[in-house]
Amino acid sequence: NLTQSFPFVDDAIYALRVFATNSA
């Protein structure tokens, strides 16, 4: 899970890149 908040910008578009990367 993840939850993050950003200052509101009208009509801004969001997307994610999910990496196969961790501390190991």
PDBML (XML) file of the C-alpha atoms, coordinates in Angstrom:
<?xml version="1.0" encoding="UTF-8" ?>
<PDBx:datablock datablockName="MODEL"
   xmlns:PDBx="http://pdbml.pdb.org/schema/pdbx-v50.xsd"
   xmlns:xsi="http://www.w3.org/2001/XMLSchema-instance"
   xsi:schemaLocation="http://pdbml.pdb.org/schema/pdbx-v50.xsd pdbx-v50.xsd">
   <PDBx:atom_siteCategory>
      <PDBx:atom_site id="1">
         <PDBx:B_iso_or_equiv>0.00</PDBx:B_iso_or_equiv>
         <PDBx:Cartn_x>0.000</PDBx:Cartn_x>
         <PDBx:Cartn_y>0.000</PDBx:Cartn_y>
         <PDBx:Cartn_z>0.000</PDBx:Cartn_z>
         <PDBx:auth_asym_id>A</PDBx:auth_asym_id>
         <PDBx:auth_atom_id>CA</PDBx:auth_atom_id>
         <PDBx:auth_comp_id>ASN</PDBx:auth_comp_id>
         <PDBx:auth_seq_id>1</PDBx:auth_seq_id>
         <PDBx:group_PDB>ATOM</PDBx:group_PDB>
         <PDBx:label_alt_id xsi:nil="true" />
         <PDBx:label_asym_id>A</PDBx:label_asym_id>
         <PDBx:label_atom_id>CA</PDBx:label_atom_id>
         <PDBx:label_comp_id>ASN</PDBx:label_comp_id>
         <PDBx:label_entity_id>1</PDBx:label_entity_id>
         <PDBx:label_seq_id>1</PDBx:label_seq_id>
         <PDBx:occupancy>1.00</PDBx:occupancy>
         <PDBx:pdbx_PDB_model_num>1</PDBx:pdbx_PDB_model_num>
         <PDBx:type_symbol>C</PDBx:type_symbol>
      </PDBx:atom_site>
      <PDBx:atom_site id="2">
         <PDBx:B_iso_or_equiv>0.00</PDBx:B_iso_or_equiv>
         <PDBx:Cartn_x>0.907</PDBx:Cartn_x>
         <PDBx:Cartn_y>3.666</PDBx:Cartn_y>
         <PDBx:Cartn_z>-0.410</PDBx:Cartn_z>
         <PDBx:auth_asym_id>A</PDBx:auth_asym_id>
         <PDBx:auth_atom_id>CA</PDBx:auth_atom_id>
         <PDBx:auth_comp_id>LEU</PDBx:auth_comp_id>
         <PDBx:auth_seq_id>2</PDBx:auth_seq_id>
         <PDBx:group_PDB>ATOM</PDBx:group_PDB>
         <PDBx:label_alt_id xsi:nil="true" />
         <PDBx:label_asym_id>A</PDBx:label_asym_id>
         <PDBx:label_atom_id>CA</PDBx:label_atom_id>
         <PDBx:label_comp_id>LEU</PDBx:label_comp_id>
         <PDBx:label_entity_id>1</PDBx:label_entity_id>
         <PDBx:label_seq_id>2</PDBx:label_seq_id>
         <PDBx:occupancy>1.00</PDBx:occupancy>
         <PDBx:pdbx_PDB_model_num>1</PDBx:pdbx_PDB_model_num>
         <PDBx:type_symbol>C</PDBx:type_symbol>
      </PDBx:atom_site>
      <PDBx:atom_site id="3">
         <PDBx:B_iso_or_equiv>0.00</PDBx:B_iso_or_equiv>
         <PDBx:Cartn_x>-0.852</PDBx:Cartn_x>
         <PDBx:Cartn_y>6.956</PDBx:Cartn_y>
         <PDBx:Cartn_z>0.330</PDBx:Cartn_z>
         <PDBx:auth_asym_id>A</PDBx:auth_asym_id>
         <PDBx:auth_atom_id>CA</PDBx:auth_atom_id>
         <PDBx:auth_comp_id>THR</PDBx:auth_comp_id>
         <PDBx:auth_seq_id>3</PDBx:auth_seq_id>
         <PDBx:group_PDB>ATOM</PDBx:group_PDB>
         <PDBx:label_alt_id xsi:nil="true" />
         <PDBx:label_asym_id>A</PDBx:label_asym_id>
         <PDBx:label_atom_id>CA</PDBx:label_atom_id>
         <PDBx:label_comp_id>THR</PDBx:label_comp_id>
         <PDBx:label_entity_id>1</PDBx:label_entity_id>
         <PDBx:label_seq_id>3</PDBx:label_seq_id>
         <PDBx:occupancy>1.00</PDBx:occupancy>
         <PDBx:pdbx_PDB_model_num>1</PDBx:pdbx_PDB_model_num>
         <PDBx:type_symbol>C</PDBx:type_symbol>
      </PDBx:atom_site>
      <PDBx:atom_site id="4">
         <PDBx:B_iso_or_equiv>0.00</PDBx:B_iso_or_equiv>
         <PDBx:Cartn_x>0.552</PDBx:Cartn_x>
         <PDBx:Cartn_y>10.372</PDBx:Cartn_y>
         <PDBx:Cartn_z>-0.615</PDBx:Cartn_z>
         <PDBx:auth_asym_id>A</PDBx:auth_asym_id>
         <PDBx:auth_atom_id>CA</PDBx:auth_atom_id>
         <PDBx:auth_comp_id>GLN</PDBx:auth_comp_id>
         <PDBx:auth_seq_id>4</PDBx:auth_seq_id>
         <PDBx:group_PDB>ATOM</PDBx:group_PDB>
         <PDBx:label_alt_id xsi:nil="true" />
         <PDBx:label_asym_id>A</PDBx:label_asym_id>
         <PDBx:label_atom_id>CA</PDBx:label_atom_id>
         <PDBx:label_comp_id>GLN</PDBx:label_comp_id>
         <PDBx:label_entity_id>1</PDBx:label_entity_id>
         <PDBx:label_seq_id>4</PDBx:label_seq_id>
         <PDBx:occupancy>1.00</PDBx:occupancy>
         <PDBx:pdbx_PDB_model_num>1</PDBx:pdbx_PDB_model_num>
         <PDBx:type_symbol>C</PDBx:type_symbol>
      </PDBx:atom_site>
      <PDBx:atom_site id="5">
         <PDBx:B_iso_or_equiv>0.00</PDBx:B_iso_or_equiv>
         <PDBx:Cartn_x>-0.984</PDBx:Cartn_x>
         <PDBx:Cartn_y>13.855</PDBx:Cartn_y>
         <PDBx:Cartn_z>-0.713</PDBx:Cartn_z>
         <PDBx:auth_asym_id>A</PDBx:auth_asym_id>
         <PDBx:auth_atom_id>CA</PDBx:auth_atom_id>
         <PDBx:auth_comp_id>SER</PDBx:auth_comp_id>
         <PDBx:auth_seq_id>5</PDBx:auth_seq_id>
         <PDBx:group_PDB>ATOM</PDBx:group_PDB>
         <PDBx:label_alt_id xsi:nil="true" />
         <PDBx:label_asym_id>A</PDBx:label_asym_id>
         <PDBx:label_atom_id>CA</PDBx:label_atom_id>
         <PDBx:label_comp_id>SER</PDBx:label_comp_id>
         <PDBx:label_entity_id>1</PDBx:label_entity_id>
         <PDBx:label_seq_id>5</PDBx:label_seq_id>
         <PDBx:occupancy>1.00</PDBx:occupancy>
         <PDBx:pdbx_PDB_model_num>1</PDBx:pdbx_PDB_model_num>
         <PDBx:type_symbol>C</PDBx:type_symbol>
      </PDBx:atom_site>
      <PDBx:atom_site id="6">
         <PDBx:B_iso_or_equiv>0.00</PDBx:B_iso_or_equiv>
         <PDBx:Cartn_x>-0.085</PDBx:Cartn_x>
         <PDBx:Cartn_y>16.727</PDBx:Cartn_y>
         <PDBx:Cartn_z>-3.055</PDBx:Cartn_z>
         <PDBx:auth_asym_id>A</PDBx:auth_asym_id>
         <PDBx:auth_atom_id>CA</PDBx:auth_atom_id>
         <PDBx:auth_comp_id>PHE</PDBx:auth_comp_id>
         <PDBx:auth_seq_id>6</PDBx:auth_seq_id>
         <PDBx:group_PDB>ATOM</PDBx:group_PDB>
         <PDBx:label_alt_id xsi:nil="true" />
         <PDBx:label_asym_id>A</PDBx:label_asym_id>
         <PDBx:label_atom_id>CA</PDBx:label_atom_id>
         <PDBx:label_comp_id>PHE</PDBx:label_comp_id>
         <PDBx:label_entity_id>1</PDBx:label_entity_id>
         <PDBx:label_seq_id>6</PDBx:label_seq_id>
         <PDBx:occupancy>1.00</PDBx:occupancy>
         <PDBx:pdbx_PDB_model_num>1</PDBx:pdbx_PDB_model_num>
         <PDBx:type_symbol>C</PDBx:type_symbol>
      </PDBx:atom_site>
      <PDBx:atom_site id="7">
         <PDBx:B_iso_or_equiv>0.00</PDBx:B_iso_or_equiv>
         <PDBx:Cartn_x>-1.180</PDBx:Cartn_x>
         <PDBx:Cartn_y>20.371</PDBx:Cartn_y>
         <PDBx:Cartn_z>-3.272</PDBx:Cartn_z>
         <PDBx:auth_asym_id>A</PDBx:auth_asym_id>
         <PDBx:auth_atom_id>CA</PDBx:auth_atom_id>
         <PDBx:auth_comp_id>PRO</PDBx:auth_comp_id>
         <PDBx:auth_seq_id>7</PDBx:auth_seq_id>
         <PDBx:group_PDB>ATOM</PDBx:group_PDB>
         <PDBx:label_alt_id xsi:nil="true" />
         <PDBx:label_asym_id>A</PDBx:label_asym_id>
         <PDBx:label_atom_id>CA</PDBx:label_atom_id>
         <PDBx:label_comp_id>PRO</PDBx:label_comp_id>
         <PDBx:label_entity_id>1</PDBx:label_entity_id>
         <PDBx:label_seq_id>7</PDBx:label_seq_id>
         <PDBx:occupancy>1.00</PDBx:occupancy>
         <PDBx:pdbx_PDB_model_num>1</PDBx:pdbx_PDB_model_num>
         <PDBx:type_symbol>C</PDBx:type_symbol>
      </PDBx:atom_site>
      <PDBx:atom_site id="8">
         <PDBx:B_iso_or_equiv>0.00</PDBx:B_iso_or_equiv>
         <PDBx:Cartn_x>-4.251</PDBx:Cartn_x>
         <PDBx:Cartn_y>20.493</PDBx:Cartn_y>
         <PDBx:Cartn_z>-5.481</PDBx:Cartn_z>
         <PDBx:auth_asym_id>A</PDBx:auth_asym_id>
         <PDBx:auth_atom_id>CA</PDBx:auth_atom_id>
         <PDBx:auth_comp_id>PHE</PDBx:auth_comp_id>
         <PDBx:auth_seq_id>8</PDBx:auth_seq_id>
         <PDBx:group_PDB>ATOM</PDBx:group_PDB>
         <PDBx:label_alt_id xsi:nil="true" />
         <PDBx:label_asym_id>A</PDBx:label_asym_id>
         <PDBx:label_atom_id>CA</PDBx:label_atom_id>
         <PDBx:label_comp_id>PHE</PDBx:label_comp_id>
         <PDBx:label_entity_id>1</PDBx:label_entity_id>
         <PDBx:label_seq_id>8</PDBx:label_seq_id>
         <PDBx:occupancy>1.00</PDBx:occupancy>
         <PDBx:pdbx_PDB_model_num>1</PDBx:pdbx_PDB_model_num>
         <PDBx:type_symbol>C</PDBx:type_symbol>
      </PDBx:atom_site>
      <PDBx:atom_site id="9">
         <PDBx:B_iso_or_equiv>0.00</PDBx:B_iso_or_equiv>
         <PDBx:Cartn_x>-3.655</PDBx:Cartn_x>
         <PDBx:Cartn_y>21.522</PDBx:Cartn_y>
         <PDBx:Cartn_z>-9.100</PDBx:Cartn_z>
         <PDBx:auth_asym_id>A</PDBx:auth_asym_id>
         <PDBx:auth_atom_id>CA</PDBx:auth_atom_id>
         <PDBx:auth_comp_id>VAL</PDBx:auth_comp_id>
         <PDBx:auth_seq_id>9</PDBx:auth_seq_id>
         <PDBx:group_PDB>ATOM</PDBx:group_PDB>
         <PDBx:label_alt_id xsi:nil="true" />
         <PDBx:label_asym_id>A</PDBx:label_asym_id>
         <PDBx:label_atom_id>CA</PDBx:label_atom_id>
         <PDBx:label_comp_id>VAL</PDBx:label_comp_id>
         <PDBx:label_entity_id>1</PDBx:label_entity_id>
         <PDBx:label_seq_id>9</PDBx:label_seq_id>
         <PDBx:occupancy>1.00</PDBx:occupancy>
         <PDBx:pdbx_PDB_model_num>1</PDBx:pdbx_PDB_model_num>
         <PDBx:type_symbol>C</PDBx:type_symbol>
      </PDBx:atom_site>
      <PDBx:atom_site id="10">
         <PDBx:B_iso_or_equiv>0.00</PDBx:B_iso_or_equiv>
         <PDBx:Cartn_x>-6.766</PDBx:Cartn_x>
         <PDBx:Cartn_y>21.643</PDBx:Cartn_y>
         <PDBx:Cartn_z>-11.266</PDBx:Cartn_z>
         <PDBx:auth_asym_id>A</PDBx:auth_asym_id>
         <PDBx:auth_atom_id>CA</PDBx:auth_atom_id>
         <PDBx:auth_comp_id>ASP</PDBx:auth_comp_id>
         <PDBx:auth_seq_id>10</PDBx:auth_seq_id>
         <PDBx:group_PDB>ATOM</PDBx:group_PDB>
         <PDBx:label_alt_id xsi:nil="true" />
         <PDBx:label_asym_id>A</PDBx:label_asym_id>
         <PDBx:label_atom_id>CA</PDBx:label_atom_id>
         <PDBx:label_comp_id>ASP</PDBx:label_comp_id>
         <PDBx:label_entity_id>1</PDBx:label_entity_id>
         <PDBx:label_seq_id>10</PDBx:label_seq_id>
         <PDBx:occupancy>1.00</PDBx:occupancy>
         <PDBx:pdbx_PDB_model_num>1</PDBx:pdbx_PDB_model_num>
         <PDBx:type_symbol>C</PDBx:type_symbol>
      </PDBx:atom_site>
      <PDBx:atom_site id="11">
         <PDBx:B_iso_or_equiv>0.00</PDBx:B_iso_or_equiv>
         <PDBx:Cartn_x>-6.716</PDBx:Cartn_x>
         <PDBx:Cartn_y>19.131</PDBx:Cartn_y>
         <PDBx:Cartn_z>-14.146</PDBx:Cartn_z>
         <PDBx:auth_asym_id>A</PDBx:auth_asym_id>
         <PDBx:auth_atom_id>CA</PDBx:auth_atom_id>
         <PDBx:auth_comp_id>ASP</PDBx:auth_comp_id>
         <PDBx:auth_seq_id>11</PDBx:auth_seq_id>
         <PDBx:group_PDB>ATOM</PDBx:group_PDB>
         <PDBx:label_alt_id xsi:nil="true" />
         <PDBx:label_asym_id>A</PDBx:label_asym_id>
         <PDBx:label_atom_id>CA</PDBx:label_atom_id>
         <PDBx:label_comp_id>ASP</PDBx:label_comp_id>
         <PDBx:label_entity_id>1</PDBx:label_entity_id>
         <PDBx:label_seq_id>11</PDBx:label_seq_id>
         <PDBx:occupancy>1.00</PDBx:occupancy>
         <PDBx:pdbx_PDB_model_num>1</PDBx:pdbx_PDB_model_num>
         <PDBx:type_symbol>C</PDBx:type_symbol>
      </PDBx:atom_site>
      <PDBx:atom_site id="12">
         <PDBx:B_iso_or_equiv>0.00</PDBx:B_iso_or_equiv>
         <PDBx:Cartn_x>-3.317</PDBx:Cartn_x>
         <PDBx:Cartn_y>17.719</PDBx:Cartn_y>
         <PDBx:Cartn_z>-13.151</PDBx:Cartn_z>
         <PDBx:auth_asym_id>A</PDBx:auth_asym_id>
         <PDBx:auth_atom_id>CA</PDBx:auth_atom_id>
         <PDBx:auth_comp_id>ALA</PDBx:auth_comp_id>
         <PDBx:auth_seq_id>12</PDBx:auth_seq_id>
         <PDBx:group_PDB>ATOM</PDBx:group_PDB>
         <PDBx:label_alt_id xsi:nil="true" />
         <PDBx:label_asym_id>A</PDBx:label_asym_id>
         <PDBx:label_atom_id>CA</PDBx:label_atom_id>
         <PDBx:label_comp_id>ALA</PDBx:label_comp_id>
         <PDBx:label_entity_id>1</PDBx:label_entity_id>
         <PDBx:label_seq_id>12</PDBx:label_seq_id>
         <PDBx:occupancy>1.00</PDBx:occupancy>
         <PDBx:pdbx_PDB_model_num>1</PDBx:pdbx_PDB_model_num>
         <PDBx:type_symbol>C</PDBx:type_symbol>
      </PDBx:atom_site>
      <PDBx:atom_site id="13">
         <PDBx:B_iso_or_equiv>0.00</PDBx:B_iso_or_equiv>
         <PDBx:Cartn_x>-2.868</PDBx:Cartn_x>
         <PDBx:Cartn_y>14.126</PDBx:Cartn_y>
         <PDBx:Cartn_z>-14.293</PDBx:Cartn_z>
         <PDBx:auth_asym_id>A</PDBx:auth_asym_id>
         <PDBx:auth_atom_id>CA</PDBx:auth_atom_id>
         <PDBx:auth_comp_id>ILE</PDBx:auth_comp_id>
         <PDBx:auth_seq_id>13</PDBx:auth_seq_id>
         <PDBx:group_PDB>ATOM</PDBx:group_PDB>
         <PDBx:label_alt_id xsi:nil="true" />
         <PDBx:label_asym_id>A</PDBx:label_asym_id>
         <PDBx:label_atom_id>CA</PDBx:label_atom_id>
         <PDBx:label_comp_id>ILE</PDBx:label_comp_id>
         <PDBx:label_entity_id>1</PDBx:label_entity_id>
         <PDBx:label_seq_id>13</PDBx:label_seq_id>
         <PDBx:occupancy>1.00</PDBx:occupancy>
         <PDBx:pdbx_PDB_model_num>1</PDBx:pdbx_PDB_model_num>
         <PDBx:type_symbol>C</PDBx:type_symbol>
      </PDBx:atom_site>
      <PDBx:atom_site id="14">
         <PDBx:B_iso_or_equiv>0.00</PDBx:B_iso_or_equiv>
         <PDBx:Cartn_x>-1.219</PDBx:Cartn_x>
         <PDBx:Cartn_y>11.471</PDBx:Cartn_y>
         <PDBx:Cartn_z>-12.121</PDBx:Cartn_z>
         <PDBx:auth_asym_id>A</PDBx:auth_asym_id>
         <PDBx:auth_atom_id>CA</PDBx:auth_atom_id>
         <PDBx:auth_comp_id>TYR</PDBx:auth_comp_id>
         <PDBx:auth_seq_id>14</PDBx:auth_seq_id>
         <PDBx:group_PDB>ATOM</PDBx:group_PDB>
         <PDBx:label_alt_id xsi:nil="true" />
         <PDBx:label_asym_id>A</PDBx:label_asym_id>
         <PDBx:label_atom_id>CA</PDBx:label_atom_id>
         <PDBx:label_comp_id>TYR</PDBx:label_comp_id>
         <PDBx:label_entity_id>1</PDBx:label_entity_id>
         <PDBx:label_seq_id>14</PDBx:label_seq_id>
         <PDBx:occupancy>1.00</PDBx:occupancy>
         <PDBx:pdbx_PDB_model_num>1</PDBx:pdbx_PDB_model_num>
         <PDBx:type_symbol>C</PDBx:type_symbol>
      </PDBx:atom_site>
      <PDBx:atom_site id="15">
         <PDBx:B_iso_or_equiv>0.00</PDBx:B_iso_or_equiv>
         <PDBx:Cartn_x>0.442</PDBx:Cartn_x>
         <PDBx:Cartn_y>8.150</PDBx:Cartn_y>
         <PDBx:Cartn_z>-12.960</PDBx:Cartn_z>
         <PDBx:auth_asym_id>A</PDBx:auth_asym_id>
         <PDBx:auth_atom_id>CA</PDBx:auth_atom_id>
         <PDBx:auth_comp_id>ALA</PDBx:auth_comp_id>
         <PDBx:auth_seq_id>15</PDBx:auth_seq_id>
         <PDBx:group_PDB>ATOM</PDBx:group_PDB>
         <PDBx:label_alt_id xsi:nil="true" />
         <PDBx:label_asym_id>A</PDBx:label_asym_id>
         <PDBx:label_atom_id>CA</PDBx:label_atom_id>
         <PDBx:label_comp_id>ALA</PDBx:label_comp_id>
         <PDBx:label_entity_id>1</PDBx:label_entity_id>
         <PDBx:label_seq_id>15</PDBx:label_seq_id>
         <PDBx:occupancy>1.00</PDBx:occupancy>
         <PDBx:pdbx_PDB_model_num>1</PDBx:pdbx_PDB_model_num>
         <PDBx:type_symbol>C</PDBx:type_symbol>
      </PDBx:atom_site>
      <PDBx:atom_site id="16">
         <PDBx:B_iso_or_equiv>0.00</PDBx:B_iso_or_equiv>
         <PDBx:Cartn_x>2.673</PDBx:Cartn_x>
         <PDBx:Cartn_y>5.615</PDBx:Cartn_y>
         <PDBx:Cartn_z>-11.196</PDBx:Cartn_z>
         <PDBx:auth_asym_id>A</PDBx:auth_asym_id>
         <PDBx:auth_atom_id>CA</PDBx:auth_atom_id>
         <PDBx:auth_comp_id>LEU</PDBx:auth_comp_id>
         <PDBx:auth_seq_id>16</PDBx:auth_seq_id>
         <PDBx:group_PDB>ATOM</PDBx:group_PDB>
         <PDBx:label_alt_id xsi:nil="true" />
         <PDBx:label_asym_id>A</PDBx:label_asym_id>
         <PDBx:label_atom_id>CA</PDBx:label_atom_id>
         <PDBx:label_comp_id>LEU</PDBx:label_comp_id>
         <PDBx:label_entity_id>1</PDBx:label_entity_id>
         <PDBx:label_seq_id>16</PDBx:label_seq_id>
         <PDBx:occupancy>1.00</PDBx:occupancy>
         <PDBx:pdbx_PDB_model_num>1</PDBx:pdbx_PDB_model_num>
         <PDBx:type_symbol>C</PDBx:type_symbol>
      </PDBx:atom_site>
      <PDBx:atom_site id="17">
         <PDBx:B_iso_or_equiv>0.00</PDBx:B_iso_or_equiv>
         <PDBx:Cartn_x>5.841</PDBx:Cartn_x>
         <PDBx:Cartn_y>3.736</PDBx:Cartn_y>
         <PDBx:Cartn_z>-12.053</PDBx:Cartn_z>
         <PDBx:auth_asym_id>A</PDBx:auth_asym_id>
         <PDBx:auth_atom_id>CA</PDBx:auth_atom_id>
         <PDBx:auth_comp_id>ARG</PDBx:auth_comp_id>
         <PDBx:auth_seq_id>17</PDBx:auth_seq_id>
         <PDBx:group_PDB>ATOM</PDBx:group_PDB>
         <PDBx:label_alt_id xsi:nil="true" />
         <PDBx:label_asym_id>A</PDBx:label_asym_id>
         <PDBx:label_atom_id>CA</PDBx:label_atom_id>
         <PDBx:label_comp_id>ARG</PDBx:label_comp_id>
         <PDBx:label_entity_id>1</PDBx:label_entity_id>
         <PDBx:label_seq_id>17</PDBx:label_seq_id>
         <PDBx:occupancy>1.00</PDBx:occupancy>
         <PDBx:pdbx_PDB_model_num>1</PDBx:pdbx_PDB_model_num>
         <PDBx:type_symbol>C</PDBx:type_symbol>
      </PDBx:atom_site>
      <PDBx:atom_site id="18">
         <PDBx:B_iso_or_equiv>0.00</PDBx:B_iso_or_equiv>
         <PDBx:Cartn_x>6.110</PDBx:Cartn_x>
         <PDBx:Cartn_y>0.607</PDBx:Cartn_y>
         <PDBx:Cartn_z>-9.899</PDBx:Cartn_z>
         <PDBx:auth_asym_id>A</PDBx:auth_asym_id>
         <PDBx:auth_atom_id>CA</PDBx:auth_atom_id>
         <PDBx:auth_comp_id>VAL</PDBx:auth_comp_id>
         <PDBx:auth_seq_id>18</PDBx:auth_seq_id>
         <PDBx:group_PDB>ATOM</PDBx:group_PDB>
         <PDBx:label_alt_id xsi:nil="true" />
         <PDBx:label_asym_id>A</PDBx:label_asym_id>
         <PDBx:label_atom_id>CA</PDBx:label_atom_id>
         <PDBx:label_comp_id>VAL</PDBx:label_comp_id>
         <PDBx:label_entity_id>1</PDBx:label_entity_id>
         <PDBx:label_seq_id>18</PDBx:label_seq_id>
         <PDBx:occupancy>1.00</PDBx:occupancy>
         <PDBx:pdbx_PDB_model_num>1</PDBx:pdbx_PDB_model_num>
         <PDBx:type_symbol>C</PDBx:type_symbol>
      </PDBx:atom_site>
      <PDBx:atom_site id="19">
         <PDBx:B_iso_or_equiv>0.00</PDBx:B_iso_or_equiv>
         <PDBx:Cartn_x>9.666</PDBx:Cartn_x>
         <PDBx:Cartn_y>-0.724</PDBx:Cartn_y>
         <PDBx:Cartn_z>-9.729</PDBx:Cartn_z>
         <PDBx:auth_asym_id>A</PDBx:auth_asym_id>
         <PDBx:auth_atom_id>CA</PDBx:auth_atom_id>
         <PDBx:auth_comp_id>PHE</PDBx:auth_comp_id>
         <PDBx:auth_seq_id>19</PDBx:auth_seq_id>
         <PDBx:group_PDB>ATOM</PDBx:group_PDB>
         <PDBx:label_alt_id xsi:nil="true" />
         <PDBx:label_asym_id>A</PDBx:label_asym_id>
         <PDBx:label_atom_id>CA</PDBx:label_atom_id>
         <PDBx:label_comp_id>PHE</PDBx:label_comp_id>
         <PDBx:label_entity_id>1</PDBx:label_entity_id>
         <PDBx:label_seq_id>19</PDBx:label_seq_id>
         <PDBx:occupancy>1.00</PDBx:occupancy>
         <PDBx:pdbx_PDB_model_num>1</PDBx:pdbx_PDB_model_num>
         <PDBx:type_symbol>C</PDBx:type_symbol>
      </PDBx:atom_site>
      <PDBx:atom_site id="20">
         <PDBx:B_iso_or_equiv>0.00</PDBx:B_iso_or_equiv>
         <PDBx:Cartn_x>10.881</PDBx:Cartn_x>
         <PDBx:Cartn_y>-4.245</PDBx:Cartn_y>
         <PDBx:Cartn_z>-8.947</PDBx:Cartn_z>
         <PDBx:auth_asym_id>A</PDBx:auth_asym_id>
         <PDBx:auth_atom_id>CA</PDBx:auth_atom_id>
         <PDBx:auth_comp_id>ALA</PDBx:auth_comp_id>
         <PDBx:auth_seq_id>20</PDBx:auth_seq_id>
         <PDBx:group_PDB>ATOM</PDBx:group_PDB>
         <PDBx:label_alt_id xsi:nil="true" />
         <PDBx:label_asym_id>A</PDBx:label_asym_id>
         <PDBx:label_atom_id>CA</PDBx:label_atom_id>
         <PDBx:label_comp_id>ALA</PDBx:label_comp_id>
         <PDBx:label_entity_id>1</PDBx:label_entity_id>
         <PDBx:label_seq_id>20</PDBx:label_seq_id>
         <PDBx:occupancy>1.00</PDBx:occupancy>
         <PDBx:pdbx_PDB_model_num>1</PDBx:pdbx_PDB_model_num>
         <PDBx:type_symbol>C</PDBx:type_symbol>
      </PDBx:atom_site>
      <PDBx:atom_site id="21">
         <PDBx:B_iso_or_equiv>0.00</PDBx:B_iso_or_equiv>
         <PDBx:Cartn_x>13.319</PDBx:Cartn_x>
         <PDBx:Cartn_y>-2.580</PDBx:Cartn_y>
         <PDBx:Cartn_z>-6.562</PDBx:Cartn_z>
         <PDBx:auth_asym_id>A</PDBx:auth_asym_id>
         <PDBx:auth_atom_id>CA</PDBx:auth_atom_id>
         <PDBx:auth_comp_id>THR</PDBx:auth_comp_id>
         <PDBx:auth_seq_id>21</PDBx:auth_seq_id>
         <PDBx:group_PDB>ATOM</PDBx:group_PDB>
         <PDBx:label_alt_id xsi:nil="true" />
         <PDBx:label_asym_id>A</PDBx:label_asym_id>
         <PDBx:label_atom_id>CA</PDBx:label_atom_id>
         <PDBx:label_comp_id>THR</PDBx:label_comp_id>
         <PDBx:label_entity_id>1</PDBx:label_entity_id>
         <PDBx:label_seq_id>21</PDBx:label_seq_id>
         <PDBx:occupancy>1.00</PDBx:occupancy>
         <PDBx:pdbx_PDB_model_num>1</PDBx:pdbx_PDB_model_num>
         <PDBx:type_symbol>C</PDBx:type_symbol>
      </PDBx:atom_site>
      <PDBx:atom_site id="22">
         <PDBx:B_iso_or_equiv>0.00</PDBx:B_iso_or_equiv>
         <PDBx:Cartn_x>13.599</PDBx:Cartn_x>
         <PDBx:Cartn_y>-2.722</PDBx:Cartn_y>
         <PDBx:Cartn_z>-2.795</PDBx:Cartn_z>
         <PDBx:auth_asym_id>A</PDBx:auth_asym_id>
         <PDBx:auth_atom_id>CA</PDBx:auth_atom_id>
         <PDBx:auth_comp_id>ASN</PDBx:auth_comp_id>
         <PDBx:auth_seq_id>22</PDBx:auth_seq_id>
         <PDBx:group_PDB>ATOM</PDBx:group_PDB>
         <PDBx:label_alt_id xsi:nil="true" />
         <PDBx:label_asym_id>A</PDBx:label_asym_id>
         <PDBx:label_atom_id>CA</PDBx:label_atom_id>
         <PDBx:label_comp_id>ASN</PDBx:label_comp_id>
         <PDBx:label_entity_id>1</PDBx:label_entity_id>
         <PDBx:label_seq_id>22</PDBx:label_seq_id>
         <PDBx:occupancy>1.00</PDBx:occupancy>
         <PDBx:pdbx_PDB_model_num>1</PDBx:pdbx_PDB_model_num>
         <PDBx:type_symbol>C</PDBx:type_symbol>
      </PDBx:atom_site>
      <PDBx:atom_site id="23">
         <PDBx:B_iso_or_equiv>0.00</PDBx:B_iso_or_equiv>
         <PDBx:Cartn_x>16.392</PDBx:Cartn_x>
         <PDBx:Cartn_y>-2.489</PDBx:Cartn_y>
         <PDBx:Cartn_z>-0.207</PDBx:Cartn_z>
         <PDBx:auth_asym_id>A</PDBx:auth_asym_id>
         <PDBx:auth_atom_id>CA</PDBx:auth_atom_id>
         <PDBx:auth_comp_id>SER</PDBx:auth_comp_id>
         <PDBx:auth_seq_id>23</PDBx:auth_seq_id>
         <PDBx:group_PDB>ATOM</PDBx:group_PDB>
         <PDBx:label_alt_id xsi:nil="true" />
         <PDBx:label_asym_id>A</PDBx:label_asym_id>
         <PDBx:label_atom_id>CA</PDBx:label_atom_id>
         <PDBx:label_comp_id>SER</PDBx:label_comp_id>
         <PDBx:label_entity_id>1</PDBx:label_entity_id>
         <PDBx:label_seq_id>23</PDBx:label_seq_id>
         <PDBx:occupancy>1.00</PDBx:occupancy>
         <PDBx:pdbx_PDB_model_num>1</PDBx:pdbx_PDB_model_num>
         <PDBx:type_symbol>C</PDBx:type_symbol>
      </PDBx:atom_site>
      <PDBx:atom_site id="24">
         <PDBx:B_iso_or_equiv>0.00</PDBx:B_iso_or_equiv>
         <PDBx:Cartn_x>17.619</PDBx:Cartn_x>
         <PDBx:Cartn_y>-5.976</PDBx:Cartn_y>
         <PDBx:Cartn_z>-1.135</PDBx:Cartn_z>
         <PDBx:auth_asym_id>A</PDBx:auth_asym_id>
         <PDBx:auth_atom_id>CA</PDBx:auth_atom_id>
         <PDBx:auth_comp_id>ALA</PDBx:auth_comp_id>
         <PDBx:auth_seq_id>24</PDBx:auth_seq_id>
         <PDBx:group_PDB>ATOM</PDBx:group_PDB>
         <PDBx:label_alt_id xsi:nil="true" />
         <PDBx:label_asym_id>A</PDBx:label_asym_id>
         <PDBx:label_atom_id>CA</PDBx:label_atom_id>
         <PDBx:label_comp_id>ALA</PDBx:label_comp_id>
         <PDBx:label_entity_id>1</PDBx:label_entity_id>
         <PDBx:label_seq_id>24</PDBx:label_seq_id>
         <PDBx:occupancy>1.00</PDBx:occupancy>
         <PDBx:pdbx_PDB_model_num>1</PDBx:pdbx_PDB_model_num>
         <PDBx:type_symbol>C</PDBx:type_symbol>
      </PDBx:atom_site>
   </PDBx:atom_siteCategory>
</PDBx:datablock>
